[in-house]
């Protein structure tokens, strides 16, 4: 058996893994990247990128359908899923080609195959073993389902199945009102399907600010999406036409198919971690804030680390660990400063603490300000409805920004900087936002919270 040694061995070529490999190579370290499928992982091939391409096609369908609102006569005929998939796949293909070129250009050794940890910092792949002075676990996550609920890919689908669906279903049931469920609900409704979302918790996107959930739910109902919160899945049965889904309230919903979107589970089983001292908790790798495991020289990044399972968190983890290994003493990644976006129509975007979390931390020393997008010129031009809610520590910095509305995902970077730099409302209020932009709404909200509202009735 061949044995080779590198400065860094990365197990898993998704967002966290390849980001770590790229940064480590940039810092002059020798790197082996072990990947059993394609580099880019779930994000590029079956997650963020293809889903957002699908949502963009859905947005175009809505634009064509609603064009007359803007004085433009257009006709919406139908959605051809074959053409949508060709467009989506072309986007993925171009990005994949660019990524592989980038990795090759940095001199990173890609080792194809399913890797298994066989020593404290060694991974066996096919007929060889690669050993790192450091090992990075970046094996990502896989679709989760409910106990006893098998996915057949025909009537009961995962998000990966849904991304390859060759038709627009007439009716769908989506189990789970989180990010993935809401994004597919939005896209399928735009394509013309009758959509029912079943969420066991009291509101959609339950990890978000409660007011954002309520605005999203109202918007979904206006779009004709049937939202059933506080409702749990009980069982389902196949019918001649599709599925009959029984819920906790004793009734049922009939549909062509059911999408199970109840979250993702870390891919850590049967890859030799625990046998070599890497501790797991509920299948997540246990790390300290510097992403180091209990085993010296072994780190974990991305979805295998408990917390937000987002590609950009994986990127940040990967870069952090590469710099940590190189001795640069980087600043640890804070989950509460990781921006979050649900790319539905309308979008939900947030960063920092919710009002509830802020009150748990600061008690009554919390102030909030909500700015209605109705006061924003660009939002009115776009016919976008929604709001921006700010949360601050009284007399202190802004600690949370929560936005709902068409296009607000593009504002999240400024919001992240505001929270990350611990800006006071008065710091942001003095900045000039271009007119007319939706970014002005962020400025207006901070003006109001600083006590000098301009285009606001308070």
Protein backbone atom coordinates (compact mmCIF):
# COMPACT_ATOMS: atom_id res chain seq x y z
CA UNK A 1 0.00 0.00 0.00
CA UNK A 2 1.31 3.43 -0.99
CA UNK A 3 1.74 5.93 1.86
CA UNK A 4 2.18 9.63 1.19
CA UNK A 5 2.49 12.52 3.63
CA UNK A 6 1.19 16.08 3.30
CA UNK A 7 1.05 19.10 5.56
CA UNK A 8 -2.74 18.96 5.40
CA UNK A 9 -5.10 16.16 4.44
CA UNK A 10 -8.70 17.33 3.94
CA UNK A 11 -11.39 14.65 4.00
CA UNK A 12 -14.27 16.01 1.95
CA UNK A 13 -14.26 18.46 -0.97
CA UNK A 14 -17.38 20.52 -0.26
CA UNK A 15 -17.51 24.18 0.75
CA UNK A 16 -15.56 23.82 3.98
CA UNK A 17 -13.10 21.29 2.63
CA UNK A 18 -12.10 22.96 -0.59
CA UNK A 19 -11.95 26.40 1.06
CA UNK A 20 -9.53 24.96 3.60
CA UNK A 21 -7.48 23.32 0.85
CA UNK A 22 -7.29 26.49 -1.24
CA UNK A 23 -6.24 28.70 1.68
CA UNK A 24 -3.73 26.16 2.98
CA UNK A 25 -2.13 25.87 -0.44
CA UNK A 26 -2.08 29.66 -0.72
CA UNK A 27 -0.12 29.72 2.54
CA UNK A 28 2.49 27.37 1.11
CA UNK A 29 1.32 24.11 2.68
CA UNK A 30 1.18 20.82 0.77
CA UNK A 31 -2.43 19.64 0.58
CA UNK A 32 -4.30 16.46 -0.33
CA UNK A 33 -8.06 16.76 -0.85
CA UNK A 34 -9.95 13.45 -0.61
CA UNK A 35 -13.35 13.45 -2.32
CA UNK A 36 -15.55 10.51 -3.30
CA UNK A 37 -17.74 12.50 -5.70
CA UNK A 38 -17.17 15.93 -7.21
CA UNK A 39 -15.39 18.81 -5.53
CA UNK A 40 -17.86 21.51 -4.66
CA UNK A 41 -20.04 19.16 -2.64
CA UNK A 42 -23.69 19.62 -1.83
CA UNK A 43 -23.61 23.40 -2.23
CA UNK A 44 -22.46 23.37 -5.83
CA UNK A 45 -24.06 20.19 -7.11
CA UNK A 46 -27.26 19.58 -5.16
CA UNK A 47 -27.82 22.51 -2.83
CA UNK A 48 -27.27 26.25 -2.97
CA UNK A 49 -26.40 26.78 -6.61
CA UNK A 50 -28.96 24.55 -8.38
CA UNK A 51 -31.70 25.57 -5.94
CA UNK A 52 -31.07 29.26 -6.51
CA UNK A 53 -31.01 28.70 -10.28
CA UNK A 54 -34.42 27.06 -9.92
CA UNK A 55 -35.63 30.01 -7.87
CA UNK A 56 -34.36 32.45 -10.46
CA UNK A 57 -36.34 30.64 -13.15
CA UNK A 58 -39.35 30.85 -10.81
CA UNK A 59 -38.79 34.58 -10.42
CA UNK A 60 -38.85 34.97 -14.20
CA UNK A 61 -42.11 33.03 -14.36
CA UNK A 62 -43.60 35.42 -11.79
CA UNK A 63 -42.30 38.42 -13.72
CA UNK A 64 -43.92 37.20 -16.92
CA UNK A 65 -47.18 36.37 -15.15
CA UNK A 66 -47.32 39.72 -13.34
CA UNK A 67 -45.87 41.93 -16.07
CA UNK A 68 -49.14 43.76 -16.66
CA UNK A 69 -48.83 45.26 -13.15
CA UNK A 70 -45.99 47.31 -14.59
CA UNK A 71 -47.75 48.15 -17.84
CA UNK A 72 -45.96 45.48 -19.83
CA UNK A 73 -48.06 43.06 -21.85
CA UNK A 74 -46.52 39.61 -21.66
CA UNK A 75 -47.93 36.13 -21.78
CA UNK A 76 -47.00 33.36 -19.40
CA UNK A 77 -47.48 30.06 -21.19
CA UNK A 78 -45.87 27.27 -19.23
CA UNK A 79 -42.65 26.08 -17.62
CA UNK A 80 -40.57 23.54 -19.52
CA UNK A 81 -38.63 21.72 -16.85
CA UNK A 82 -36.19 20.22 -19.33
CA UNK A 83 -35.07 23.70 -20.33
CA UNK A 84 -34.97 24.83 -16.70
CA UNK A 85 -32.68 21.91 -15.89
CA UNK A 86 -30.41 22.66 -18.85
CA UNK A 87 -30.04 26.24 -17.63
CA UNK A 88 -29.47 25.10 -14.03
CA UNK A 89 -26.99 22.40 -15.01
CA UNK A 90 -25.05 24.80 -17.22
CA UNK A 91 -24.58 27.15 -14.26
CA UNK A 92 -23.35 24.27 -12.10
CA UNK A 93 -21.08 22.98 -14.86
CA UNK A 94 -19.38 26.34 -15.41
CA UNK A 95 -18.78 26.82 -11.70
CA UNK A 96 -17.49 23.26 -11.32
CA UNK A 97 -15.06 23.75 -14.20
CA UNK A 98 -13.83 26.98 -12.66
CA UNK A 99 -13.40 25.39 -9.24
CA UNK A 100 -11.46 22.39 -10.52
CA UNK A 101 -9.20 24.72 -12.46
CA UNK A 102 -8.61 26.81 -9.36
CA UNK A 103 -7.76 23.77 -7.24
CA UNK A 104 -5.43 22.40 -9.89
CA UNK A 105 -3.76 25.78 -10.26
CA UNK A 106 -2.97 25.87 -6.54
CA UNK A 107 -1.17 22.53 -6.75
CA UNK A 108 -3.63 20.68 -4.53
CA UNK A 109 -3.58 16.90 -4.91
CA UNK A 110 -7.10 15.62 -5.44
CA UNK A 111 -7.48 11.99 -4.41
CA UNK A 112 -10.69 10.47 -5.75
CA UNK A 113 -12.47 7.91 -3.62
CA UNK A 114 -14.25 7.30 -0.35
CA UNK A 115 -11.81 8.07 2.44
CA UNK A 116 -11.76 6.39 5.83
CA UNK A 117 -9.79 7.49 8.85
CA UNK A 118 -7.33 4.70 9.71
CA UNK A 119 -5.01 6.51 12.08
CA UNK A 120 -4.89 9.69 14.15
CA UNK A 121 -4.19 11.76 11.03
CA UNK A 122 -4.28 9.14 8.28
CA UNK A 123 -6.92 8.43 5.64
CA UNK A 124 -7.14 5.32 3.49
CA UNK A 125 -8.44 5.85 -0.03
CA UNK A 126 -8.58 2.94 -2.42
CA UNK A 127 -5.17 1.35 -2.41
CA UNK A 128 -3.24 4.09 -0.67
CA UNK A 129 -2.98 5.88 2.63
CA UNK A 130 -2.41 9.61 2.93
CA UNK A 131 -1.13 11.01 6.18
CA UNK A 132 -1.27 14.61 7.20
CA UNK A 133 0.66 16.55 9.77
CA UNK A 134 -2.88 17.85 10.15
CA UNK A 135 -6.21 16.25 9.23
CA UNK A 136 -9.38 18.23 8.51
CA UNK A 137 -12.77 16.47 8.67
CA UNK A 138 -15.07 18.11 6.12
CA UNK A 139 -17.46 15.36 5.11
CA UNK A 140 -20.55 17.58 5.10
CA UNK A 141 -24.13 16.47 5.58
CA UNK A 142 -26.87 14.45 3.96
CA UNK A 143 -30.62 14.73 3.71
CA UNK A 144 -32.50 13.74 6.85
CA UNK A 145 -35.88 12.09 6.95
CA UNK A 146 -38.31 11.12 9.71
CA UNK A 147 -38.17 7.74 11.49
CA UNK A 148 -39.97 5.16 9.38
CA UNK A 149 -40.44 7.51 6.43
CA UNK A 150 -38.61 6.04 3.45
CA UNK A 151 -37.93 8.23 0.42
CA UNK A 152 -38.61 6.46 -2.87
CA UNK A 153 -37.67 9.31 -5.18
CA UNK A 154 -41.01 9.02 -6.98
CA UNK A 155 -43.79 9.99 -4.58
CA UNK A 156 -41.66 10.86 -1.58
CA UNK A 157 -38.69 13.04 -2.40
CA UNK A 158 -35.60 14.54 -0.86
CA UNK A 159 -34.43 17.96 -2.02
CA UNK A 160 -31.90 16.19 -4.27
CA UNK A 161 -34.73 14.27 -5.94
CA UNK A 162 -36.76 17.47 -6.25
CA UNK A 163 -33.95 19.24 -8.07
CA UNK A 164 -34.12 16.61 -10.81
CA UNK A 165 -37.90 16.42 -11.12
CA UNK A 166 -38.76 16.38 -14.82
CA UNK A 167 -42.18 18.01 -14.50
CA UNK A 168 -44.10 20.62 -12.60
CA UNK A 169 -46.38 18.72 -10.21
CA UNK A 170 -50.01 19.78 -9.94
CA UNK A 171 -49.98 19.50 -6.17
CA UNK A 172 -47.22 18.98 -3.61
CA UNK A 173 -46.98 18.57 0.13
CA UNK A 174 -43.79 19.81 1.76
CA UNK A 175 -42.88 18.47 5.18
CA UNK A 176 -40.88 21.15 6.91
CA UNK A 177 -41.21 24.92 6.85
CA UNK A 178 -37.54 25.69 7.27
CA UNK A 179 -35.23 27.20 4.67
CA UNK A 180 -35.30 24.29 2.21
CA UNK A 181 -39.04 23.75 2.51
CA UNK A 182 -39.86 27.43 2.02
CA UNK A 183 -37.57 27.76 -0.99
CA UNK A 184 -39.14 24.80 -2.77
CA UNK A 185 -42.63 25.97 -1.79
CA UNK A 186 -41.88 29.32 -3.36
CA UNK A 187 -40.39 27.90 -6.56
CA UNK A 188 -43.08 25.30 -7.16
CA UNK A 189 -45.86 27.84 -6.51
CA UNK A 190 -44.28 30.18 -9.05
CA UNK A 191 -44.19 27.32 -11.54
CA UNK A 192 -47.92 26.77 -11.01
CA UNK A 193 -48.21 23.94 -8.48
CA UNK A 194 -50.68 23.88 -5.60
CA UNK A 195 -48.45 23.80 -2.52
CA UNK A 196 -49.10 22.81 1.09
CA UNK A 197 -46.39 23.32 3.71
CA UNK A 198 -46.69 21.28 6.90
CA UNK A 199 -44.58 22.52 9.80
CA UNK A 200 -44.67 20.95 13.25
CA UNK A 201 -43.49 24.12 15.01
CA UNK A 202 -45.72 27.19 15.44
CA UNK A 203 -44.20 29.16 12.54
CA UNK A 204 -42.26 29.00 9.30
CA UNK A 205 -38.46 29.46 9.38
CA UNK A 206 -38.59 28.97 13.15
CA UNK A 207 -34.95 29.92 13.63
CA UNK A 208 -35.66 33.44 12.43
CA UNK A 209 -37.11 36.48 14.19
CA UNK A 210 -40.78 35.80 14.91
CA UNK A 211 -42.00 38.90 13.09
CA UNK A 212 -40.10 37.81 9.97
CA UNK A 213 -41.86 34.44 10.10
CA UNK A 214 -45.26 36.12 10.33
CA UNK A 215 -44.56 38.43 7.37
CA UNK A 216 -43.36 35.45 5.30
CA UNK A 217 -46.41 33.39 6.22
CA UNK A 218 -48.80 36.19 5.25
CA UNK A 219 -46.99 36.61 1.93
CA UNK A 220 -47.14 32.87 1.25
CA UNK A 221 -50.89 32.82 1.96
CA UNK A 222 -51.38 35.75 -0.43
CA UNK A 223 -49.56 33.73 -3.06
CA UNK A 224 -51.96 30.84 -2.49
CA UNK A 225 -49.54 28.61 -0.60
CA UNK A 226 -51.39 26.58 2.03
CA UNK A 227 -49.38 26.95 5.25
CA UNK A 228 -50.17 24.60 8.13
CA UNK A 229 -48.07 25.32 11.19
CA UNK A 230 -48.39 23.52 14.54
CA UNK A 231 -49.15 20.47 12.44
CA UNK A 232 -47.12 17.28 12.54
CA UNK A 233 -46.80 14.55 9.96
CA UNK A 234 -48.50 11.33 11.10
CA UNK A 235 -48.19 8.96 8.15
CA UNK A 236 -48.75 8.76 4.43
CA UNK A 237 -50.00 6.25 1.95
CA UNK A 238 -49.50 5.88 -1.77
CA UNK A 239 -52.56 6.45 -3.92
CA UNK A 240 -53.22 5.90 -7.59
CA UNK A 241 -52.54 9.57 -8.25
CA UNK A 242 -49.77 10.20 -5.74
CA UNK A 243 -49.76 10.41 -1.94
CA UNK A 244 -52.25 10.97 0.84
CA UNK A 245 -50.53 12.62 3.79
CA UNK A 246 -52.15 12.26 7.21
CA UNK A 247 -51.35 14.91 9.82
CA UNK A 248 -51.63 15.25 13.56
CA UNK A 249 -54.92 17.12 13.45
CA UNK A 250 -56.64 14.03 12.09
CA UNK A 251 -57.16 15.17 8.52
CA UNK A 252 -55.14 14.58 5.40
CA UNK A 253 -53.78 16.29 2.31
CA UNK A 254 -53.65 14.69 -1.13
CA UNK A 255 -50.92 15.55 -3.60
CA UNK A 256 -48.88 14.25 -6.52
CA UNK A 257 -45.82 13.97 -4.32
CA UNK A 258 -44.36 14.85 -0.95
CA UNK A 259 -41.04 16.61 -0.38
CA UNK A 260 -39.39 15.80 2.94
CA UNK A 261 -37.42 18.88 4.01
CA UNK A 262 -36.80 18.29 7.70
CA UNK A 263 -33.14 19.19 7.80
CA UNK A 264 -29.78 17.57 7.24
CA UNK A 265 -27.62 15.24 9.30
CA UNK A 266 -23.80 15.29 9.46
CA UNK A 267 -21.97 12.66 7.42
CA UNK A 268 -19.81 11.15 10.11
CA UNK A 269 -20.98 7.54 10.36
CA UNK A 270 -18.67 4.67 9.44
CA UNK A 271 -15.66 6.74 8.44
CA UNK A 272 -13.50 5.71 11.38
CA UNK A 273 -13.71 8.85 13.49
CA UNK A 274 -14.61 7.46 16.90
CA UNK A 275 -12.25 4.51 16.48
CA UNK A 276 -9.39 7.03 16.41
CA UNK A 277 -10.46 9.25 19.27
CA UNK A 278 -12.58 11.87 17.46
CA UNK A 279 -15.56 12.46 19.75
CA UNK A 280 -19.06 12.79 18.33
CA UNK A 281 -22.24 14.19 19.86
CA UNK A 282 -25.51 13.44 18.02
CA UNK A 283 -23.32 12.60 15.01
CA UNK A 284 -21.67 16.04 15.04
CA UNK A 285 -17.91 16.26 15.57
CA UNK A 286 -17.15 17.86 18.92
CA UNK A 287 -14.71 20.77 18.60
CA UNK A 288 -13.59 23.74 20.62
CA UNK A 289 -14.05 27.29 19.33
CA UNK A 290 -10.89 26.89 17.26
CA UNK A 291 -12.47 23.89 15.51
CA UNK A 292 -9.94 21.51 17.02
CA UNK A 293 -11.15 18.03 18.02
CA UNK A 294 -9.95 16.02 21.01
CA UNK A 295 -7.20 14.57 18.81
CA UNK A 296 -4.10 16.70 18.36
CA UNK A 297 -3.81 17.97 14.79
CA UNK A 298 -7.35 16.94 13.80
CA UNK A 299 -9.91 19.63 12.98
CA UNK A 300 -13.49 19.69 11.70
CA UNK A 301 -15.23 22.28 9.52
CA UNK A 302 -18.65 22.97 7.99
CA UNK A 303 -21.79 20.92 8.43
CA UNK A 304 -20.14 18.26 10.61
CA UNK A 305 -19.74 20.91 13.34
CA UNK A 306 -22.96 21.61 15.26
CA UNK A 307 -24.53 24.94 14.34
CA UNK A 308 -25.77 26.61 11.19
CA UNK A 309 -25.40 24.31 8.18
CA UNK A 310 -24.62 26.95 5.58
CA UNK A 311 -22.07 26.92 2.79
CA UNK A 312 -20.59 30.30 3.68
CA UNK A 313 -20.10 29.13 7.28
CA UNK A 314 -18.19 26.19 5.79
CA UNK A 315 -16.04 28.56 3.72
CA UNK A 316 -15.28 30.60 6.85
CA UNK A 317 -14.46 27.47 8.86
CA UNK A 318 -12.18 26.18 6.12
CA UNK A 319 -10.23 29.42 5.82
CA UNK A 320 -9.99 29.68 9.61
CA UNK A 321 -8.53 26.18 10.03
CA UNK A 322 -6.02 26.66 7.20
CA UNK A 323 -4.78 29.85 8.85
CA UNK A 324 -4.78 28.18 12.27
CA UNK A 325 -2.60 25.36 10.95
CA UNK A 326 -0.30 27.92 9.34
CA UNK A 327 0.09 29.67 12.69
CA UNK A 328 -1.63 32.94 11.76
CA UNK A 329 -3.79 33.01 14.93
CA UNK A 330 -7.06 33.88 13.12
CA UNK A 331 -10.22 35.11 14.89
CA UNK A 332 -12.70 32.23 15.51
CA UNK A 333 -15.93 32.13 13.49
CA UNK A 334 -18.97 33.23 15.52
CA UNK A 335 -22.20 31.55 14.49
CA UNK A 336 -24.35 34.50 15.50
CA UNK A 337 -22.50 36.70 13.02
CA UNK A 338 -23.03 34.30 10.13
CA UNK A 339 -25.59 35.85 7.75
CA UNK A 340 -28.70 33.80 6.95
CA UNK A 341 -30.88 34.05 3.84
CA UNK A 342 -33.96 32.13 2.77
CA UNK A 343 -34.27 32.74 -0.98
CA UNK A 344 -38.03 32.43 -1.21
CA UNK A 345 -40.41 35.06 -2.53
CA UNK A 346 -40.29 37.11 -0.39
CA UNK A 347 -36.77 36.59 0.89
CA UNK A 348 -35.90 36.41 4.57
CA UNK A 349 -32.45 37.63 5.59
CA UNK A 350 -30.94 38.10 9.02
CA UNK A 351 -27.79 38.31 11.08
CA UNK A 352 -27.13 38.57 14.79
CA UNK A 353 -29.54 38.12 17.67
CA UNK A 354 -33.32 37.92 17.51
CA UNK A 355 -35.20 40.12 19.95
CA UNK A 356 -35.88 37.09 22.15
CA UNK A 357 -32.20 36.11 22.18
CA UNK A 358 -31.14 39.69 22.88
CA UNK A 359 -33.54 39.92 25.84
CA UNK A 360 -32.22 36.62 27.15
CA UNK A 361 -28.72 38.11 27.07
CA UNK A 362 -29.36 41.75 28.07
CA UNK A 363 -32.66 41.63 29.95
CA UNK A 364 -34.79 44.75 29.47
CA UNK A 365 -31.87 46.72 28.03
CA UNK A 366 -32.99 46.07 24.47
CA UNK A 367 -34.49 48.43 21.90
CA UNK A 368 -36.03 47.55 18.54
CA UNK A 369 -37.05 49.46 15.45
CA UNK A 370 -39.12 48.18 12.56
CA UNK A 371 -39.10 49.98 9.21
CA UNK A 372 -41.78 49.11 6.66
CA UNK A 373 -40.52 48.73 3.08
CA UNK A 374 -43.62 50.69 2.09
CA UNK A 375 -41.57 53.79 2.87
CA UNK A 376 -38.76 52.80 0.51
CA UNK A 377 -38.91 54.12 -3.03
CA UNK A 378 -37.09 51.23 -4.74
CA UNK A 379 -39.25 48.68 -2.94
CA UNK A 380 -42.36 50.51 -4.15
CA UNK A 381 -40.99 50.47 -7.71
CA UNK A 382 -40.48 46.71 -7.39
CA UNK A 383 -43.86 46.26 -5.62
CA UNK A 384 -41.89 44.63 -2.82
CA UNK A 385 -43.52 44.38 0.60
CA UNK A 386 -41.84 43.59 3.87
CA UNK A 387 -39.87 45.12 6.68
CA UNK A 388 -36.51 45.61 8.36
CA UNK A 389 -36.28 45.10 12.09
CA UNK A 390 -33.26 46.22 14.09
CA UNK A 391 -32.34 45.00 17.55
CA UNK A 392 -29.86 46.92 19.70
CA UNK A 393 -28.59 46.84 23.23
CA UNK A 394 -29.94 49.99 24.87
CA UNK A 395 -27.29 52.67 24.58
CA UNK A 396 -25.12 50.19 22.71
CA UNK A 397 -24.54 48.66 19.29
CA UNK A 398 -26.92 47.00 16.86
CA UNK A 399 -26.90 43.29 17.68
CA UNK A 400 -29.46 41.97 15.18
CA UNK A 401 -30.85 42.84 11.74
CA UNK A 402 -33.91 40.98 10.41
CA UNK A 403 -35.32 41.63 6.96
CA UNK A 404 -38.20 40.31 4.85
CA UNK A 405 -39.00 41.35 1.28
CA UNK A 406 -38.10 40.83 -2.33
CA UNK A 407 -34.39 41.45 -2.81
CA UNK A 408 -33.42 41.88 0.85
CA UNK A 409 -30.91 39.05 0.61
CA UNK A 410 -28.66 41.50 -1.22
CA UNK A 411 -28.66 43.76 1.85
CA UNK A 412 -27.33 41.13 4.21
CA UNK A 413 -23.66 41.95 3.64
CA UNK A 414 -24.11 45.50 4.96
CA UNK A 415 -26.19 44.15 7.83
CA UNK A 416 -23.44 41.65 8.65
CA UNK A 417 -20.83 44.42 8.74
CA UNK A 418 -23.06 46.52 11.00
CA UNK A 419 -23.36 43.69 13.54
CA UNK A 420 -19.79 42.44 13.08
CA UNK A 421 -18.30 45.88 13.72
CA UNK A 422 -20.70 46.50 16.60
CA UNK A 423 -21.90 49.71 14.96
CA UNK A 424 -24.17 52.08 16.87
CA UNK A 425 -27.34 53.27 15.07
CA UNK A 426 -25.80 56.75 14.92
CA UNK A 427 -22.73 55.31 13.13
CA UNK A 428 -24.89 53.90 10.35
CA UNK A 429 -27.28 56.85 10.30
CA UNK A 430 -24.54 59.21 9.14
CA UNK A 431 -23.68 57.02 6.15
CA UNK A 432 -25.25 58.05 2.84
CA UNK A 433 -27.20 55.36 1.01
CA UNK A 434 -27.77 55.83 -2.73
CA UNK A 435 -31.27 56.80 -3.80
CA UNK A 436 -33.36 55.01 -4.84
CA UNK A 437 -32.07 51.68 -3.53
CA UNK A 438 -33.42 49.13 -1.11
CA UNK A 439 -30.24 49.77 0.88
CA UNK A 440 -31.80 53.09 1.83
CA UNK A 441 -34.26 51.15 3.95
CA UNK A 442 -31.38 49.98 6.13
CA UNK A 443 -30.23 53.57 6.47
CA UNK A 444 -33.76 54.77 7.27
CA UNK A 445 -34.18 52.09 9.94
CA UNK A 446 -30.94 53.21 11.60
CA UNK A 447 -31.95 56.87 11.35
CA UNK A 448 -35.15 56.01 13.19
CA UNK A 449 -33.34 53.99 15.84
CA UNK A 450 -30.87 56.86 16.29
CA UNK A 451 -33.83 59.12 17.07
CA UNK A 452 -33.93 61.12 13.85
CA UNK A 453 -36.30 59.37 11.45
CA UNK A 454 -36.60 60.89 7.98
CA UNK A 455 -39.07 58.92 5.85
CA UNK A 456 -40.82 57.31 8.81
CA UNK A 457 -43.87 58.24 10.89
CA UNK A 458 -42.21 58.05 14.28
